[in-house]
Protein backbone atom coordinates (compact mmCIF):
# COMPACT_ATOMS: atom_id res chain seq x y z
CA MET A 1 0.00 0.00 0.00
CA LYS A 2 1.04 3.55 -0.59
CA MET A 3 -0.34 7.04 -0.70
CA VAL A 4 -0.45 8.15 -4.33
CA ASP A 5 2.09 10.87 -5.16
CA VAL A 6 0.15 13.96 -6.21
CA GLY A 7 3.12 16.33 -5.84
CA GLY A 8 3.53 16.80 -9.57
CA LYS A 9 -0.12 17.61 -10.18
CA GLU A 10 -1.34 21.14 -10.68
CA ARG A 11 -3.73 22.67 -8.15
CA THR A 12 -7.12 22.99 -9.82
CA GLU A 13 -10.66 23.70 -8.74
CA ARG A 14 -12.47 20.47 -7.89
CA VAL A 15 -15.96 19.66 -6.69
CA ALA A 16 -17.80 16.49 -5.71
CA ARG A 17 -21.39 15.78 -4.76
CA ALA A 18 -22.62 12.63 -3.00
CA SER A 19 -26.00 11.46 -1.81
CA ALA A 20 -27.61 9.00 0.58
CA LYS A 21 -31.07 8.12 1.84
CA VAL A 22 -32.24 7.27 5.35
CA ARG A 23 -35.39 5.16 5.22
CA MET A 24 -37.57 5.40 8.36
CA LEU A 25 -41.09 5.09 9.67
CA PRO A 26 -43.43 7.99 8.82
CA ALA A 27 -43.84 8.62 12.56
CA SER A 28 -40.08 9.11 12.90
CA LEU A 29 -40.02 11.65 10.07
CA GLU A 30 -42.92 13.46 11.70
CA ARG A 31 -41.03 13.58 15.03
CA ILE A 32 -38.11 15.30 13.27
CA TYR A 33 -40.27 18.00 11.69
CA GLN A 34 -42.33 18.59 14.84
CA GLY A 35 -39.20 18.94 16.99
CA GLN A 36 -40.13 15.94 19.14
CA VAL A 37 -36.80 14.12 19.20
CA GLU A 38 -35.36 13.76 22.69
CA LYS A 39 -31.77 14.47 21.62
CA GLY A 40 -32.70 17.72 19.85
CA ASP A 41 -32.61 19.13 16.32
CA VAL A 42 -31.88 16.12 14.11
CA LEU A 43 -31.37 18.05 10.89
CA ALA A 44 -28.99 20.62 12.40
CA ALA A 45 -26.95 17.92 14.12
CA ALA A 46 -26.76 15.82 10.94
CA LYS A 47 -25.66 18.76 8.81
CA LEU A 48 -22.98 19.70 11.32
CA ALA A 49 -21.78 16.08 11.53
CA GLY A 50 -21.47 15.98 7.74
CA VAL A 51 -19.36 19.12 7.56
CA MET A 52 -17.19 17.92 10.44
CA ALA A 53 -16.65 14.58 8.68
CA VAL A 54 -15.34 16.39 5.60
CA LYS A 55 -12.57 17.86 7.72
CA ARG A 56 -11.71 14.46 9.26
CA THR A 57 -11.81 12.29 6.12
CA PRO A 58 -8.04 11.62 6.03
CA ASP A 59 -8.30 10.36 9.63
CA LEU A 60 -11.00 7.86 8.63
CA ILE A 61 -9.90 6.64 5.20
CA PRO A 62 -6.42 5.09 4.99
CA LEU A 63 -4.12 6.68 2.40
CA CYS A 64 -6.52 9.58 1.75
CA HIS A 65 -4.68 12.89 1.26
CA PRO A 66 -5.42 15.74 3.65
CA ILE A 67 -6.57 18.62 1.46
CA SER A 68 -7.56 22.25 1.84
CA VAL A 69 -11.36 22.34 1.63
CA SER A 70 -12.83 25.56 0.23
CA ALA A 71 -16.48 24.80 0.98
CA ALA A 72 -18.69 22.02 2.28
CA THR A 73 -22.47 21.89 2.48
CA VAL A 74 -24.93 19.22 3.54
CA GLU A 75 -28.58 19.45 2.52
CA ILE A 76 -31.36 17.27 3.92
CA SER A 77 -34.92 17.04 2.67
CA PRO A 78 -37.89 14.73 3.12
CA CYS A 79 -38.41 12.08 0.45
CA ASP A 80 -40.40 8.90 -0.03
CA GLU A 81 -40.10 6.92 3.20
CA GLY A 82 -37.47 9.10 4.87
CA LEU A 83 -34.77 11.69 4.26
CA ALA A 84 -32.59 12.47 1.24
CA LEU A 85 -29.11 13.75 2.05
CA THR A 86 -26.75 15.52 -0.33
CA ALA A 87 -23.25 16.83 0.33
CA GLU A 88 -21.14 19.05 -1.89
CA VAL A 89 -17.46 19.70 -1.26
CA LYS A 90 -15.11 22.08 -3.09
CA THR A 91 -11.37 22.58 -3.10
CA VAL A 92 -8.53 24.06 -5.10
CA ASP A 93 -5.95 21.33 -4.69
CA ARG A 94 -4.04 18.46 -6.32
CA THR A 95 -6.58 15.70 -5.65
CA GLY A 96 -10.36 15.38 -5.65
CA VAL A 97 -12.94 15.58 -2.89
CA GLU A 98 -15.06 12.52 -3.69
CA MET A 99 -14.15 10.79 -0.42
CA GLU A 100 -14.93 13.92 1.55
CA ALA A 101 -18.40 14.19 -0.01
CA LEU A 102 -19.09 10.51 0.65
CA CYS A 103 -17.90 10.79 4.26
CA ALA A 104 -20.15 13.81 4.73
CA VAL A 105 -23.36 12.02 3.70
CA MET A 106 -22.43 8.93 5.72
CA ALA A 107 -21.74 10.92 8.89
CA ALA A 108 -24.97 12.87 8.41
CA ALA A 109 -26.95 9.66 7.86
CA LEU A 110 -25.37 7.96 10.88
CA THR A 111 -26.22 11.00 13.01
CA VAL A 112 -29.87 10.78 11.94
CA TYR A 113 -29.84 7.10 12.87
CA ASP A 114 -28.21 7.77 16.24
CA MET A 115 -30.68 10.47 17.16
CA LEU A 116 -33.73 8.36 16.25
CA LYS A 117 -32.63 4.84 17.17
CA SER A 118 -34.58 4.89 20.43
CA VAL A 119 -37.87 5.15 18.50
CA ASP A 120 -37.05 3.47 15.15
CA ARG A 121 -34.41 0.72 15.14
CA GLY A 122 -35.58 -0.43 11.71
CA MET A 123 -34.14 2.59 9.88
CA SER A 124 -31.80 1.87 6.98
CA ILE A 125 -29.10 3.91 5.27
CA GLU A 126 -29.31 3.34 1.53
CA ARG A 127 -27.96 4.40 -1.84
CA VAL A 128 -24.78 6.09 -0.66
CA GLN A 129 -23.21 7.17 -3.92
CA LEU A 130 -21.18 9.73 -5.78
CA GLU A 131 -23.46 11.88 -7.95
CA HIS A 132 -20.99 14.24 -9.61
CA LYS A 133 -17.33 15.20 -9.67
CA ALA A 134 -15.56 17.86 -11.67
CA GLY A 135 -11.99 19.00 -12.04
CA GLY A 136 -8.62 17.37 -12.19
CA ARG A 137 -7.08 15.08 -14.80
CA THR A 138 -10.21 12.98 -15.31
CA GLY A 139 -12.52 15.96 -15.84
CA THR A 140 -16.23 15.81 -15.19
CA TRP A 141 -18.33 12.77 -14.34
CA SER A 142 -22.03 12.65 -13.47
CA ARG A 143 -24.34 9.80 -12.57
CA THR A 144 -27.01 9.50 -15.25
């Protein structure tokens, strides 16, 4: 194993977007939007967890380069049978931010699960995937 040498690469603007879904009971979703979750504001905590995960990605993923993140956002919205989560991460650096975007949606989804597990142990985290990346040697890619 080795960390890939990116020293010879040019710093370029890069962006990645990832998504995930947390499937839950309708009553659990209603608890979130009525502010009836014992631990507090689920959406705020999940968004914060996602942004924090972006900053800690190299600590979680072996051989992942620490990079200078320009921006990171996590959006959460209701969808069929639960919540849809999307993270977007930007940098101007020598390597992409796909892993950071994926870590963001996973941390956000796990936070939702943690905050609701006392009332809905049957939740599932599904469809964690890269949706889009742009920049760098390989250019732009989008899920169709």
